[in-house]
């Protein structure tokens, strides 16, 4: 059995699995749907709020 960090093992794989951060999800989904992606997005916040998860 291989060791895997819990944060990676249970990380959501798509937008439907995300919990919380509805305003961020809505902005990203609208950008994807309208084909208006920006060069970069800046995610800020304290540890554990989902910055890396939503970026992936």
C-alpha atoms as a PDB file:
ATOM      1  CA  UNK A   1       0.000   0.000   0.000  1.00  0.00           C
ATOM      2  CA  UNK A   2       1.397   3.407  -0.936  1.00  0.00           C
ATOM      3  CA  UNK A   3       1.282   6.410   1.323  1.00  0.00           C
ATOM      4  CA  UNK A   4      -0.806   9.328   0.083  1.00  0.00           C
ATOM      5  CA  UNK A   5      -1.439  12.622   1.856  1.00  0.00           C
ATOM      6  CA  UNK A   6      -5.110  12.890   2.863  1.00  0.00           C
ATOM      7  CA  UNK A   7      -5.421  16.319   1.235  1.00  0.00           C
ATOM      8  CA  UNK A   8      -4.470  14.772  -2.113  1.00  0.00           C
ATOM      9  CA  UNK A   9      -6.434  11.567  -1.650  1.00  0.00           C
ATOM     10  CA  UNK A  10      -9.740  13.342  -0.987  1.00  0.00           C
ATOM     11  CA  UNK A  11      -9.174  16.445  -3.159  1.00  0.00           C
ATOM     12  CA  UNK A  12     -12.197  17.134  -5.419  1.00  0.00           C
ATOM     13  CA  UNK A  13     -11.609  16.208  -9.058  1.00  0.00           C
ATOM     14  CA  UNK A  14     -14.192  18.546 -10.622  1.00  0.00           C
ATOM     15  CA  UNK A  15     -16.291  21.603  -9.814  1.00  0.00           C
ATOM     16  CA  UNK A  16     -19.323  19.517  -8.808  1.00  0.00           C
ATOM     17  CA  UNK A  17     -17.359  17.923  -5.953  1.00  0.00           C
ATOM     18  CA  UNK A  18     -16.224  21.282  -4.523  1.00  0.00           C
ATOM     19  CA  UNK A  19     -17.820  22.379  -1.246  1.00  0.00           C
ATOM     20  CA  UNK A  20     -17.904  26.057  -0.336  1.00  0.00           C
ATOM     21  CA  UNK A  21     -16.308  28.947  -2.229  1.00  0.00           C
ATOM     22  CA  UNK A  22     -19.430  29.324  -4.374  1.00  0.00           C
ATOM     23  CA  UNK A  23     -18.497  32.832  -5.521  1.00  0.00           C
ATOM     24  CA  UNK A  24     -15.089  31.641  -6.756  1.00  0.00           C
ATOM     25  CA  UNK A  25     -16.566  28.589  -8.460  1.00  0.00           C
ATOM     26  CA  UNK A  26     -19.223  30.708 -10.174  1.00  0.00           C
ATOM     27  CA  UNK A  27     -16.585  33.119 -11.519  1.00  0.00           C
ATOM     28  CA  UNK A  28     -14.382  30.312 -12.852  1.00  0.00           C
ATOM     29  CA  UNK A  29     -17.252  28.344 -14.381  1.00  0.00           C
ATOM     30  CA  UNK A  30     -18.575  31.481 -16.109  1.00  0.00           C
ATOM     31  CA  UNK A  31     -15.099  32.263 -17.455  1.00  0.00           C
ATOM     32  CA  UNK A  32     -14.771  28.725 -18.828  1.00  0.00           C
ATOM     33  CA  UNK A  33     -18.290  28.667 -20.294  1.00  0.00           C
ATOM     34  CA  UNK A  34     -17.824  32.021 -22.037  1.00  0.00           C
ATOM     35  CA  UNK A  35     -14.283  31.171 -23.232  1.00  0.00           C
ATOM     36  CA  UNK A  36     -12.941  34.285 -21.475  1.00  0.00           C
ATOM     37  CA  UNK A  37     -10.032  32.916 -19.468  1.00  0.00           C
ATOM     38  CA  UNK A  38      -7.589  35.449 -18.109  1.00  0.00           C
ATOM     39  CA  UNK A  39      -3.834  35.130 -18.225  1.00  0.00           C
ATOM     40  CA  UNK A  40      -3.709  34.533 -14.463  1.00  0.00           C
ATOM     41  CA  UNK A  41      -5.948  34.214 -11.428  1.00  0.00           C
ATOM     42  CA  UNK A  42      -4.806  35.250  -7.954  1.00  0.00           C
ATOM     43  CA  UNK A  43      -6.069  33.108  -5.083  1.00  0.00           C
ATOM     44  CA  UNK A  44      -5.429  34.427  -1.573  1.00  0.00           C
ATOM     45  CA  UNK A  45      -6.395  33.317   1.892  1.00  0.00           C
ATOM     46  CA  UNK A  46      -5.256  31.489   4.977  1.00  0.00           C
ATOM     47  CA  UNK A  47      -4.154  27.882   5.071  1.00  0.00           C
ATOM     48  CA  UNK A  48      -6.845  25.323   4.349  1.00  0.00           C
ATOM     49  CA  UNK A  49      -9.352  27.434   2.423  1.00  0.00           C
ATOM     50  CA  UNK A  50      -8.880  25.562  -0.889  1.00  0.00           C
ATOM     51  CA  UNK A  51      -6.546  27.754  -2.958  1.00  0.00           C
ATOM     52  CA  UNK A  52      -4.508  24.865  -4.340  1.00  0.00           C
ATOM     53  CA  UNK A  53      -7.547  22.642  -4.754  1.00  0.00           C
ATOM     54  CA  UNK A  54      -9.465  25.139  -6.860  1.00  0.00           C
ATOM     55  CA  UNK A  55      -6.353  25.983  -8.892  1.00  0.00           C
ATOM     56  CA  UNK A  56      -5.852  22.346  -9.840  1.00  0.00           C
END
